[in-house]
């Protein structure tokens, strides 16, 4: 399965957990692309099956996510509310969007993701 992981940049646990999740998916045999801004947890030598795409902001990943190459999209969210820009974009794709899995360390976050 081809999976895009949208991993927010930052210094905290959200970026670290996102990269750990992406690496775990690659170890399970999936083809994973992690999209993130620079940060201390971006792997310099990623595991086999995981490629790293450094982006300035999350919206820079939208063309790749929308072009149909990914079966699934993983979004690791912080444990507090944010209105994530990926959801309006996914809604614009209609039925051609990848399946979305959203995680955080506290369970399901409340992001307003109407496209689920």
PDB file of N, CA and C in Angstrom:
ATOM      1  N   UNK A   1       0.847  -1.171   0.000  1.00  0.00           N
ATOM      2  CA  UNK A   1       0.000   0.000   0.000  1.00  0.00           C
ATOM      3  C   UNK A   1       0.893   1.236   0.000  1.00  0.00           C
ATOM      4  N   UNK A   2       0.498   2.255  -0.748  1.00  0.00           N
ATOM      5  CA  UNK A   2       1.228   3.521  -0.783  1.00  0.00           C
ATOM      6  C   UNK A   2       0.543   4.498   0.163  1.00  0.00           C
ATOM      7  N   UNK A   3       1.325   4.998   1.126  1.00  0.00           N
ATOM      8  CA  UNK A   3       0.764   5.831   2.187  1.00  0.00           C
ATOM      9  C   UNK A   3       1.539   7.138   2.287  1.00  0.00           C
ATOM     10  N   UNK A   4       0.812   8.242   2.319  1.00  0.00           N
ATOM     11  CA  UNK A   4       1.404   9.550   2.594  1.00  0.00           C
ATOM     12  C   UNK A   4       1.196   9.830   4.075  1.00  0.00           C
ATOM     13  N   UNK A   5       2.222  10.315   4.742  1.00  0.00           N
ATOM     14  CA  UNK A   5       2.114  10.713   6.147  1.00  0.00           C
ATOM     15  C   UNK A   5       2.372  12.211   6.213  1.00  0.00           C
ATOM     16  N   UNK A   6       1.371  12.943   6.656  1.00  0.00           N
ATOM     17  CA  UNK A   6       1.484  14.390   6.806  1.00  0.00           C
ATOM     18  C   UNK A   6       1.847  14.659   8.260  1.00  0.00           C
ATOM     19  N   UNK A   7       3.098  15.064   8.470  1.00  0.00           N
ATOM     20  CA  UNK A   7       3.643  15.166   9.825  1.00  0.00           C
ATOM     21  C   UNK A   7       3.978  16.633  10.111  1.00  0.00           C
ATOM     22  N   UNK A   8       3.307  17.240  11.077  1.00  0.00           N
ATOM     23  CA  UNK A   8       3.579  18.649  11.354  1.00  0.00           C
ATOM     24  C   UNK A   8       4.998  18.855  11.867  1.00  0.00           C
ATOM     25  N   UNK A   9       5.573  19.981  11.510  1.00  0.00           N
ATOM     26  CA  UNK A   9       6.893  20.324  12.020  1.00  0.00           C
ATOM     27  C   UNK A   9       6.789  20.766  13.468  1.00  0.00           C
ATOM     28  N   UNK A  10       7.908  20.822  14.132  1.00  0.00           N
ATOM     29  CA  UNK A  10       7.886  21.309  15.504  1.00  0.00           C
ATOM     30  C   UNK A  10       8.913  20.610  16.361  1.00  0.00           C
ATOM     31  N   UNK A  11       8.919  21.018  17.608  1.00  0.00           N
ATOM     32  CA  UNK A  11       9.898  20.487  18.549  1.00  0.00           C
ATOM     33  C   UNK A  11       9.302  19.468  19.501  1.00  0.00           C
ATOM     34  N   UNK A  12       8.001  19.281  19.451  1.00  0.00           N
ATOM     35  CA  UNK A  12       7.340  18.453  20.446  1.00  0.00           C
ATOM     36  C   UNK A  12       7.071  17.036  20.002  1.00  0.00           C
ATOM     37  N   UNK A  13       6.237  16.403  20.789  1.00  0.00           N
ATOM     38  CA  UNK A  13       5.940  15.003  20.592  1.00  0.00           C
ATOM     39  C   UNK A  13       5.116  14.697  19.365  1.00  0.00           C
ATOM     40  N   UNK A  14       4.386  15.676  18.820  1.00  0.00           N
ATOM     41  CA  UNK A  14       3.558  15.411  17.646  1.00  0.00           C
ATOM     42  C   UNK A  14       4.422  15.020  16.453  1.00  0.00           C
ATOM     43  N   UNK A  15       5.486  15.768  16.194  1.00  0.00           N
ATOM     44  CA  UNK A  15       6.371  15.421  15.087  1.00  0.00           C
ATOM     45  C   UNK A  15       7.078  14.096  15.359  1.00  0.00           C
ATOM     46  N   UNK A  16       7.544  13.888  16.567  1.00  0.00           N
ATOM     47  CA  UNK A  16       8.232  12.641  16.904  1.00  0.00           C
ATOM     48  C   UNK A  16       7.303  11.443  16.700  1.00  0.00           C
ATOM     49  N   UNK A  17       6.083  11.531  17.197  1.00  0.00           N
ATOM     50  CA  UNK A  17       5.131  10.427  17.053  1.00  0.00           C
ATOM     51  C   UNK A  17       4.771  10.190  15.591  1.00  0.00           C
ATOM     52  N   UNK A  18       4.616  11.252  14.821  1.00  0.00           N
ATOM     53  CA  UNK A  18       4.305  11.106  13.402  1.00  0.00           C
ATOM     54  C   UNK A  18       5.389  10.342  12.653  1.00  0.00           C
ATOM     55  N   UNK A  19       6.645  10.656  12.937  1.00  0.00           N
ATOM     56  CA  UNK A  19       7.749   9.952  12.269  1.00  0.00           C
ATOM     57  C   UNK A  19       7.863   8.510  12.752  1.00  0.00           C
ATOM     58  N   UNK A  20       7.613   8.271  14.028  1.00  0.00           N
ATOM     59  CA  UNK A  20       7.621   6.893  14.522  1.00  0.00           C
ATOM     60  C   UNK A  20       6.535   6.070  13.840  1.00  0.00           C
ATOM     61  N   UNK A  21       5.363   6.644  13.667  1.00  0.00           N
ATOM     62  CA  UNK A  21       4.264   5.958  13.002  1.00  0.00           C
ATOM     63  C   UNK A  21       4.618   5.670  11.541  1.00  0.00           C
ATOM     64  N   UNK A  22       5.188   6.665  10.849  1.00  0.00           N
ATOM     65  CA  UNK A  22       5.578   6.492   9.442  1.00  0.00           C
ATOM     66  C   UNK A  22       6.626   5.390   9.300  1.00  0.00           C
ATOM     67  N   UNK A  23       7.613   5.384  10.196  1.00  0.00           N
ATOM     68  CA  UNK A  23       8.628   4.332  10.154  1.00  0.00           C
ATOM     69  C   UNK A  23       8.041   2.961  10.409  1.00  0.00           C
ATOM     70  N   UNK A  24       7.083   2.879  11.323  1.00  0.00           N
ATOM     71  CA  UNK A  24       6.423   1.606  11.599  1.00  0.00           C
ATOM     72  C   UNK A  24       5.654   1.091  10.398  1.00  0.00           C
ATOM     73  N   UNK A  25       4.975   1.980   9.683  1.00  0.00           N
ATOM     74  CA  UNK A  25       4.259   1.570   8.475  1.00  0.00           C
ATOM     75  C   UNK A  25       5.230   1.043   7.420  1.00  0.00           C
ATOM     76  N   UNK A  26       6.383   1.704   7.272  1.00  0.00           N
ATOM     77  CA  UNK A  26       7.387   1.244   6.305  1.00  0.00           C
ATOM     78  C   UNK A  26       7.937  -0.126   6.712  1.00  0.00           C
ATOM     79  N   UNK A  27       8.162  -0.332   8.000  1.00  0.00           N
ATOM     80  CA  UNK A  27       8.670  -1.635   8.466  1.00  0.00           C
ATOM     81  C   UNK A  27       7.660  -2.762   8.208  1.00  0.00           C
ATOM     82  N   UNK A  28       6.384  -2.402   8.128  1.00  0.00           N
ATOM     83  CA  UNK A  28       5.343  -3.396   7.820  1.00  0.00           C
ATOM     84  C   UNK A  28       5.266  -3.697   6.327  1.00  0.00           C
ATOM     85  N   UNK A  29       6.083  -3.021   5.525  1.00  0.00           N
ATOM     86  CA  UNK A  29       6.140  -3.305   4.102  1.00  0.00           C
ATOM     87  C   UNK A  29       5.417  -2.313   3.211  1.00  0.00           C
ATOM     88  N   UNK A  30       4.884  -1.249   3.787  1.00  0.00           N
ATOM     89  CA  UNK A  30       4.203  -0.244   2.980  1.00  0.00           C
ATOM     90  C   UNK A  30       5.217   0.723   2.375  1.00  0.00           C
ATOM     91  N   UNK A  31       4.843   1.327   1.259  1.00  0.00           N
ATOM     92  CA  UNK A  31       5.647   2.380   0.646  1.00  0.00           C
ATOM     93  C   UNK A  31       5.145   3.706   1.210  1.00  0.00           C
ATOM     94  N   UNK A  32       5.984   4.369   2.013  1.00  0.00           N
ATOM     95  CA  UNK A  32       5.552   5.524   2.797  1.00  0.00           C
ATOM     96  C   UNK A  32       6.366   6.756   2.409  1.00  0.00           C
ATOM     97  N   UNK A  33       5.664   7.870   2.221  1.00  0.00           N
ATOM     98  CA  UNK A  33       6.316   9.166   2.029  1.00  0.00           C
ATOM     99  C   UNK A  33       5.887  10.058   3.185  1.00  0.00           C
ATOM    100  N   UNK A  34       6.857  10.545   3.943  1.00  0.00           N
ATOM    101  CA  UNK A  34       6.583  11.447   5.045  1.00  0.00           C
ATOM    102  C   UNK A  34       6.802  12.883   4.612  1.00  0.00           C
ATOM    103  N   UNK A  35       5.768  13.698   4.729  1.00  0.00           N
ATOM    104  CA  UNK A  35       5.844  15.125   4.385  1.00  0.00           C
ATOM    105  C   UNK A  35       5.911  15.920   5.674  1.00  0.00           C
ATOM    106  N   UNK A  36       6.973  16.714   5.844  1.00  0.00           N
ATOM    107  CA  UNK A  36       7.136  17.483   7.071  1.00  0.00           C
ATOM    108  C   UNK A  36       8.081  18.641   6.827  1.00  0.00           C
ATOM    109  N   UNK A  37       7.931  19.677   7.639  1.00  0.00           N
ATOM    110  CA  UNK A  37       8.944  20.727   7.639  1.00  0.00           C
ATOM    111  C   UNK A  37      10.133  20.227   8.457  1.00  0.00           C
ATOM    112  N   UNK A  38      11.235  20.936   8.391  1.00  0.00           N
ATOM    113  CA  UNK A  38      12.429  20.523   9.126  1.00  0.00           C
ATOM    114  C   UNK A  38      12.152  20.522  10.615  1.00  0.00           C
ATOM    115  N   UNK A  39      12.814  19.640  11.300  1.00  0.00           N
ATOM    116  CA  UNK A  39      12.679  19.549  12.740  1.00  0.00           C
ATOM    117  C   UNK A  39      13.620  18.494  13.273  1.00  0.00           C
ATOM    118  N   UNK A  40      13.757  18.417  14.584  1.00  0.00           N
ATOM    119  CA  UNK A  40      14.737  17.517  15.180  1.00  0.00           C
ATOM    120  C   UNK A  40      14.411  16.032  15.016  1.00  0.00           C
ATOM    121  N   UNK A  41      13.173  15.687  14.676  1.00  0.00           N
ATOM    122  CA  UNK A  41      12.797  14.286  14.600  1.00  0.00           C
ATOM    123  C   UNK A  41      12.729  13.748  13.174  1.00  0.00           C
ATOM    124  N   UNK A  42      13.013  14.587  12.177  1.00  0.00           N
ATOM    125  CA  UNK A  42      13.015  14.117  10.794  1.00  0.00           C
ATOM    126  C   UNK A  42      14.184  13.148  10.641  1.00  0.00           C
ATOM    127  N   UNK A  43      13.917  11.915  10.220  1.00  0.00           N
ATOM    128  CA  UNK A  43      15.004  10.931  10.134  1.00  0.00           C
ATOM    129  C   UNK A  43      16.021  11.296   9.051  1.00  0.00           C
ATOM    130  N   UNK A  44      17.298  11.285   9.435  1.00  0.00           N
ATOM    131  CA  UNK A  44      18.363  11.547   8.464  1.00  0.00           C
ATOM    132  C   UNK A  44      18.656  10.316   7.629  1.00  0.00           C
ATOM    133  N   UNK A  45      18.440   9.156   8.202  1.00  0.00           N
ATOM    134  CA  UNK A  45      18.668   7.890   7.505  1.00  0.00           C
ATOM    135  C   UNK A  45      17.419   7.023   7.696  1.00  0.00           C
ATOM    136  N   UNK A  46      16.352   7.295   6.918  1.00  0.00           N
ATOM    137  CA  UNK A  46      15.083   6.597   7.146  1.00  0.00           C
ATOM    138  C   UNK A  46      15.169   5.107   6.857  1.00  0.00           C
ATOM    139  N   UNK A  47      14.256   4.354   7.443  1.00  0.00           N
ATOM    140  CA  UNK A  47      14.189   2.911   7.214  1.00  0.00           C
ATOM    141  C   UNK A  47      13.787   2.658   5.770  1.00  0.00           C
ATOM    142  N   UNK A  48      14.064   1.444   5.301  1.00  0.00           N
ATOM    143  CA  UNK A  48      13.697   1.058   3.943  1.00  0.00           C
ATOM    144  C   UNK A  48      12.180   1.180   3.767  1.00  0.00           C
ATOM    145  N   UNK A  49      11.765   1.780   2.663  1.00  0.00           N
ATOM    146  CA  UNK A  49      10.351   1.963   2.386  1.00  0.00           C
ATOM    147  C   UNK A  49       9.801   3.306   2.809  1.00  0.00           C
ATOM    148  N   UNK A  50      10.610   4.089   3.527  1.00  0.00           N
ATOM    149  CA  UNK A  50      10.181   5.419   3.976  1.00  0.00           C
ATOM    150  C   UNK A  50      11.034   6.472   3.287  1.00  0.00           C
ATOM    151  N   UNK A  51      10.386   7.367   2.558  1.00  0.00           N
ATOM    152  CA  UNK A  51      11.118   8.493   1.989  1.00  0.00           C
ATOM    153  C   UNK A  51      10.639   9.775   2.672  1.00  0.00           C
ATOM    154  N   UNK A  52      11.540  10.733   2.742  1.00  0.00           N
ATOM    155  CA  UNK A  52      11.302  11.988   3.450  1.00  0.00           C
ATOM    156  C   UNK A  52      11.199  13.112   2.433  1.00  0.00           C
ATOM    157  N   UNK A  53      10.115  13.865   2.500  1.00  0.00           N
ATOM    158  CA  UNK A  53       9.932  15.051   1.660  1.00  0.00           C
ATOM    159  C   UNK A  53       9.814  16.255   2.593  1.00  0.00           C
ATOM    160  N   UNK A  54      10.814  17.132   2.547  1.00  0.00           N
ATOM    161  CA  UNK A  54      10.781  18.341   3.371  1.00  0.00           C
ATOM    162  C   UNK A  54       9.961  19.399   2.636  1.00  0.00           C
ATOM    163  N   UNK A  55       8.970  19.949   3.326  1.00  0.00           N
ATOM    164  CA  UNK A  55       8.084  20.958   2.749  1.00  0.00           C
ATOM    165  C   UNK A  55       8.084  22.186   3.660  1.00  0.00           C
ATOM    166  N   UNK A  56       7.779  23.342   3.086  1.00  0.00           N
ATOM    167  CA  UNK A  56       7.744  24.568   3.878  1.00  0.00           C
ATOM    168  C   UNK A  56       6.509  24.607   4.766  1.00  0.00           C
ATOM    169  N   UNK A  57       5.369  24.155   4.226  1.00  0.00           N
ATOM    170  CA  UNK A  57       4.150  24.063   5.026  1.00  0.00           C
ATOM    171  C   UNK A  57       3.310  22.910   4.495  1.00  0.00           C
ATOM    172  N   UNK A  58       2.324  22.492   5.262  1.00  0.00           N
ATOM    173  CA  UNK A  58       1.563  21.292   4.921  1.00  0.00           C
ATOM    174  C   UNK A  58       0.864  21.401   3.572  1.00  0.00           C
ATOM    175  N   UNK A  59       0.470  22.597   3.173  1.00  0.00           N
ATOM    176  CA  UNK A  59      -0.223  22.779   1.899  1.00  0.00           C
ATOM    177  C   UNK A  59       0.667  22.409   0.709  1.00  0.00           C
ATOM    178  N   UNK A  60       1.988  22.446   0.886  1.00  0.00           N
ATOM    179  CA  UNK A  60       2.896  22.060  -0.189  1.00  0.00           C
ATOM    180  C   UNK A  60       2.772  20.582  -0.551  1.00  0.00           C
ATOM    181  N   UNK A  61       2.212  19.774   0.340  1.00  0.00           N
ATOM    182  CA  UNK A  61       2.049  18.345   0.054  1.00  0.00           C
ATOM    183  C   UNK A  61       0.766  18.049  -0.710  1.00  0.00           C
ATOM    184  N   UNK A  62      -0.152  19.005  -0.805  1.00  0.00           N
ATOM    185  CA  UNK A  62      -1.473  18.752  -1.383  1.00  0.00           C
ATOM    186  C   UNK A  62      -1.426  18.273  -2.835  1.00  0.00           C
ATOM    187  N   UNK A  63      -0.576  18.833  -3.719  1.00  0.00           N
ATOM    188  CA  UNK A  63      -0.554  18.310  -5.091  1.00  0.00           C
ATOM    189  C   UNK A  63      -0.219  16.815  -5.160  1.00  0.00           C
ATOM    190  N   UNK A  64       0.744  16.368  -4.363  1.00  0.00           N
ATOM    191  CA  UNK A  64       1.105  14.948  -4.363  1.00  0.00           C
ATOM    192  C   UNK A  64      -0.013  14.092  -3.775  1.00  0.00           C
ATOM    193  N   UNK A  65      -0.655  14.578  -2.733  1.00  0.00           N
ATOM    194  CA  UNK A  65      -1.742  13.825  -2.108  1.00  0.00           C
ATOM    195  C   UNK A  65      -2.944  13.749  -3.047  1.00  0.00           C
ATOM    196  N   UNK A  66      -3.164  14.781  -3.828  1.00  0.00           N
ATOM    197  CA  UNK A  66      -4.319  14.825  -4.710  1.00  0.00           C
ATOM    198  C   UNK A  66      -4.135  14.181  -6.067  1.00  0.00           C
ATOM    199  N   UNK A  67      -2.913  13.742  -6.400  1.00  0.00           N
ATOM    200  CA  UNK A  67      -2.699  13.214  -7.751  1.00  0.00           C
ATOM    201  C   UNK A  67      -3.036  11.730  -7.913  1.00  0.00           C
ATOM    202  N   UNK A  68      -3.519  11.106  -6.855  1.00  0.00           N
ATOM    203  CA  UNK A  68      -3.987   9.730  -6.965  1.00  0.00           C
ATOM    204  C   UNK A  68      -2.954   8.648  -6.709  1.00  0.00           C
ATOM    205  N   UNK A  69      -1.731   9.001  -6.355  1.00  0.00           N
ATOM    206  CA  UNK A  69      -0.711   7.967  -6.169  1.00  0.00           C
ATOM    207  C   UNK A  69      -0.778   7.262  -4.812  1.00  0.00           C
ATOM    208  N   UNK A  70      -1.494   7.852  -3.835  1.00  0.00           N
ATOM    209  CA  UNK A  70      -1.548   7.263  -2.497  1.00  0.00           C
ATOM    210  C   UNK A  70      -2.887   6.585  -2.244  1.00  0.00           C
ATOM    211  N   UNK A  71      -2.807   5.436  -1.588  1.00  0.00           N
ATOM    212  CA  UNK A  71      -4.004   4.702  -1.184  1.00  0.00           C
ATOM    213  C   UNK A  71      -4.566   5.255   0.120  1.00  0.00           C
ATOM    214  N   UNK A  72      -3.671   5.750   0.968  1.00  0.00           N
ATOM    215  CA  UNK A  72      -4.082   6.218   2.295  1.00  0.00           C
ATOM    216  C   UNK A  72      -3.249   7.425   2.694  1.00  0.00           C
ATOM    217  N   UNK A  73      -3.809   8.190   3.622  1.00  0.00           N
ATOM    218  CA  UNK A  73      -3.141   9.358   4.180  1.00  0.00           C
ATOM    219  C   UNK A  73      -3.204   9.245   5.691  1.00  0.00           C
ATOM    220  N   UNK A  74      -2.050   9.315   6.334  1.00  0.00           N
ATOM    221  CA  UNK A  74      -1.999   9.331   7.789  1.00  0.00           C
ATOM    222  C   UNK A  74      -1.677  10.754   8.230  1.00  0.00           C
ATOM    223  N   UNK A  75      -2.481  11.271   9.157  1.00  0.00           N
ATOM    224  CA  UNK A  75      -2.257  12.604   9.713  1.00  0.00           C
ATOM    225  C   UNK A  75      -2.127  12.438  11.225  1.00  0.00           C
ATOM    226  N   UNK A  76      -0.957  12.763  11.754  1.00  0.00           N
ATOM    227  CA  UNK A  76      -0.782  12.715  13.204  1.00  0.00           C
ATOM    228  C   UNK A  76      -1.045  14.112  13.744  1.00  0.00           C
ATOM    229  N   UNK A  77      -2.014  14.215  14.639  1.00  0.00           N
ATOM    230  CA  UNK A  77      -2.484  15.502  15.133  1.00  0.00           C
ATOM    231  C   UNK A  77      -2.028  15.730  16.571  1.00  0.00           C
ATOM    232  N   UNK A  78      -1.876  16.993  16.954  1.00  0.00           N
ATOM    233  CA  UNK A  78      -1.602  17.264  18.364  1.00  0.00           C
ATOM    234  C   UNK A  78      -2.841  16.943  19.200  1.00  0.00           C
ATOM    235  N   UNK A  79      -2.675  16.892  20.500  1.00  0.00           N
ATOM    236  CA  UNK A  79      -3.774  16.559  21.394  1.00  0.00           C
ATOM    237  C   UNK A  79      -4.700  17.720  21.700  1.00  0.00           C
ATOM    238  N   UNK A  80      -4.551  18.819  20.998  1.00  0.00           N
ATOM    239  CA  UNK A  80      -5.429  19.971  21.181  1.00  0.00           C
ATOM    240  C   UNK A  80      -6.070  20.309  19.835  1.00  0.00           C
ATOM    241  N   UNK A  81      -7.134  21.052  19.860  1.00  0.00           N
ATOM    242  CA  UNK A  81      -7.897  21.364  18.654  1.00  0.00           C
ATOM    243  C   UNK A  81      -7.116  22.251  17.693  1.00  0.00           C
ATOM    244  N   UNK A  82      -7.074  21.852  16.430  1.00  0.00           N
ATOM    245  CA  UNK A  82      -6.628  22.730  15.348  1.00  0.00           C
ATOM    246  C   UNK A  82      -7.550  22.488  14.154  1.00  0.00           C
ATOM    247  N   UNK A  83      -7.763  23.494  13.383  1.00  0.00           N
ATOM    248  CA  UNK A  83      -8.542  23.358  12.145  1.00  0.00           C
ATOM    249  C   UNK A  83      -7.534  23.072  11.048  1.00  0.00           C
ATOM    250  N   UNK A  84      -7.364  21.815  10.704  1.00  0.00           N
ATOM    251  CA  UNK A  84      -6.327  21.391   9.772  1.00  0.00           C
ATOM    252  C   UNK A  84      -6.738  21.692   8.328  1.00  0.00           C
ATOM    253  N   UNK A  85      -5.842  22.274   7.530  1.00  0.00           N
ATOM    254  CA  UNK A  85      -6.196  22.629   6.148  1.00  0.00           C
ATOM    255  C   UNK A  85      -6.373  21.434   5.210  1.00  0.00           C
ATOM    256  N   UNK A  86      -5.961  20.243   5.630  1.00  0.00           N
ATOM    257  CA  UNK A  86      -6.093  19.089   4.735  1.00  0.00           C
ATOM    258  C   UNK A  86      -7.552  18.713   4.495  1.00  0.00           C
ATOM    259  N   UNK A  87      -8.434  18.949   5.458  1.00  0.00           N
ATOM    260  CA  UNK A  87      -9.808  18.476   5.317  1.00  0.00           C
ATOM    261  C   UNK A  87     -10.601  19.201   4.232  1.00  0.00           C
ATOM    262  N   UNK A  88     -10.536  20.531   4.124  1.00  0.00           N
ATOM    263  CA  UNK A  88     -11.209  21.168   2.977  1.00  0.00           C
ATOM    264  C   UNK A  88     -10.622  20.708   1.637  1.00  0.00           C
ATOM    265  N   UNK A  89      -9.300  20.504   1.598  1.00  0.00           N
ATOM    266  CA  UNK A  89      -8.671  20.025   0.363  1.00  0.00           C
ATOM    267  C   UNK A  89      -9.186  18.633  -0.001  1.00  0.00           C
ATOM    268  N   UNK A  90      -9.218  17.713   0.963  1.00  0.00           N
ATOM    269  CA  UNK A  90      -9.705  16.363   0.688  1.00  0.00           C
ATOM    270  C   UNK A  90     -11.160  16.386   0.230  1.00  0.00           C
ATOM    271  N   UNK A  91     -11.947  17.229   0.827  1.00  0.00           N
ATOM    272  CA  UNK A  91     -13.353  17.333   0.430  1.00  0.00           C
ATOM    273  C   UNK A  91     -13.463  17.755  -1.033  1.00  0.00           C
ATOM    274  N   UNK A  92     -12.550  18.613  -1.485  1.00  0.00           N
ATOM    275  CA  UNK A  92     -12.575  19.069  -2.876  1.00  0.00           C
ATOM    276  C   UNK A  92     -12.238  17.944  -3.860  1.00  0.00           C
ATOM    277  N   UNK A  93     -11.585  16.889  -3.387  1.00  0.00           N
ATOM    278  CA  UNK A  93     -11.228  15.762  -4.248  1.00  0.00           C
ATOM    279  C   UNK A  93     -12.392  14.810  -4.492  1.00  0.00           C
ATOM    280  N   UNK A  94     -13.426  14.930  -3.687  1.00  0.00           N
ATOM    281  CA  UNK A  94     -14.567  14.024  -3.836  1.00  0.00           C
ATOM    282  C   UNK A  94     -14.175  12.590  -3.535  1.00  0.00           C
ATOM    283  N   UNK A  95     -14.659  11.666  -4.331  1.00  0.00           N
ATOM    284  CA  UNK A  95     -14.395  10.240  -4.094  1.00  0.00           C
ATOM    285  C   UNK A  95     -12.998   9.804  -4.529  1.00  0.00           C
ATOM    286  N   UNK A  96     -12.234  10.688  -5.136  1.00  0.00           N
ATOM    287  CA  UNK A  96     -10.883  10.351  -5.604  1.00  0.00           C
ATOM    288  C   UNK A  96      -9.816  10.566  -4.538  1.00  0.00           C
ATOM    289  N   UNK A  97     -10.244  10.877  -3.321  1.00  0.00           N
ATOM    290  CA  UNK A  97      -9.281  11.143  -2.250  1.00  0.00           C
ATOM    291  C   UNK A  97      -8.812   9.826  -1.627  1.00  0.00           C
ATOM    292  N   UNK A  98      -7.612   9.841  -1.032  1.00  0.00           N
ATOM    293  CA  UNK A  98      -7.153   8.652  -0.305  1.00  0.00           C
ATOM    294  C   UNK A  98      -7.928   8.481   0.997  1.00  0.00           C
ATOM    295  N   UNK A  99      -7.938   7.261   1.511  1.00  0.00           N
ATOM    296  CA  UNK A  99      -8.521   7.019   2.836  1.00  0.00           C
ATOM    297  C   UNK A  99      -7.672   7.747   3.867  1.00  0.00           C
ATOM    298  N   UNK A 100      -8.303   8.238   4.926  1.00  0.00           N
ATOM    299  CA  UNK A 100      -7.597   9.033   5.926  1.00  0.00           C
ATOM    300  C   UNK A 100      -7.625   8.332   7.275  1.00  0.00           C
ATOM    301  N   UNK A 101      -6.457   8.262   7.904  1.00  0.00           N
ATOM    302  CA  UNK A 101      -6.334   7.771   9.275  1.00  0.00           C
ATOM    303  C   UNK A 101      -5.722   8.908  10.075  1.00  0.00           C
ATOM    304  N   UNK A 102      -6.402   9.309  11.119  1.00  0.00           N
ATOM    305  CA  UNK A 102      -5.917  10.387  11.978  1.00  0.00           C
ATOM    306  C   UNK A 102      -5.645   9.815  13.358  1.00  0.00           C
ATOM    307  N   UNK A 103      -4.473  10.102  13.896  1.00  0.00           N
ATOM    308  CA  UNK A 103      -4.122   9.615  15.223  1.00  0.00           C
ATOM    309  C   UNK A 103      -3.549  10.740  16.065  1.00  0.00           C
ATOM    310  N   UNK A 104      -3.571  10.518  17.364  1.00  0.00           N
ATOM    311  CA  UNK A 104      -2.757  11.263  18.316  1.00  0.00           C
ATOM    312  C   UNK A 104      -2.607  10.398  19.561  1.00  0.00           C
ATOM    313  N   UNK A 105      -1.714  10.776  20.422  1.00  0.00           N
ATOM    314  CA  UNK A 105      -1.417   9.932  21.576  1.00  0.00           C
ATOM    315  C   UNK A 105      -2.549   9.869  22.583  1.00  0.00           C
ATOM    316  N   UNK A 106      -3.538  10.754  22.474  1.00  0.00           N
ATOM    317  CA  UNK A 106      -4.649  10.788  23.418  1.00  0.00           C
ATOM    318  C   UNK A 106      -5.897  10.144  22.851  1.00  0.00           C
ATOM    319  N   UNK A 107      -5.826   9.523  21.682  1.00  0.00           N
ATOM    320  CA  UNK A 107      -7.001   8.953  21.041  1.00  0.00           C
ATOM    321  C   UNK A 107      -7.396   9.790  19.855  1.00  0.00           C
ATOM    322  N   UNK A 108      -8.663   9.870  19.566  1.00  0.00           N
ATOM    323  CA  UNK A 108      -9.146  10.621  18.403  1.00  0.00           C
ATOM    324  C   UNK A 108      -9.193  12.104  18.740  1.00  0.00           C
ATOM    325  N   UNK A 109      -8.555  12.920  17.920  1.00  0.00           N
ATOM    326  CA  UNK A 109      -8.599  14.358  18.174  1.00  0.00           C
ATOM    327  C   UNK A 109      -9.855  14.963  17.543  1.00  0.00           C
ATOM    328  N   UNK A 110     -10.169  16.153  17.929  1.00  0.00           N
ATOM    329  CA  UNK A 110     -11.370  16.833  17.446  1.00  0.00           C
ATOM    330  C   UNK A 110     -10.932  17.933  16.490  1.00  0.00           C
ATOM    331  N   UNK A 111     -10.708  17.590  15.228  1.00  0.00           N
ATOM    332  CA  UNK A 111     -10.205  18.560  14.261  1.00  0.00           C
ATOM    333  C   UNK A 111     -11.261  19.117  13.351  1.00  0.00           C
ATOM    334  N   UNK A 112     -12.466  18.621  13.433  1.00  0.00           N
ATOM    335  CA  UNK A 112     -13.478  19.083  12.494  1.00  0.00           C
ATOM    336  C   UNK A 112     -13.327  18.424  11.141  1.00  0.00           C
ATOM    337  N   UNK A 113     -12.764  17.234  11.083  1.00  0.00           N
ATOM    338  CA  UNK A 113     -12.525  16.531   9.820  1.00  0.00           C
ATOM    339  C   UNK A 113     -13.802  15.957   9.247  1.00  0.00           C
ATOM    340  N   UNK A 114     -14.570  16.779   8.561  1.00  0.00           N
ATOM    341  CA  UNK A 114     -15.850  16.375   8.036  1.00  0.00           C
ATOM    342  C   UNK A 114     -15.763  15.311   6.950  1.00  0.00           C
ATOM    343  N   UNK A 115     -14.590  15.031   6.408  1.00  0.00           N
ATOM    344  CA  UNK A 115     -14.485  14.136   5.262  1.00  0.00           C
ATOM    345  C   UNK A 115     -14.387  12.677   5.647  1.00  0.00           C
ATOM    346  N   UNK A 116     -14.439  12.348   6.904  1.00  0.00           N
ATOM    347  CA  UNK A 116     -14.284  10.962   7.331  1.00  0.00           C
ATOM    348  C   UNK A 116     -15.425  10.105   6.890  1.00  0.00           C
TER     349      UNK A 116
END
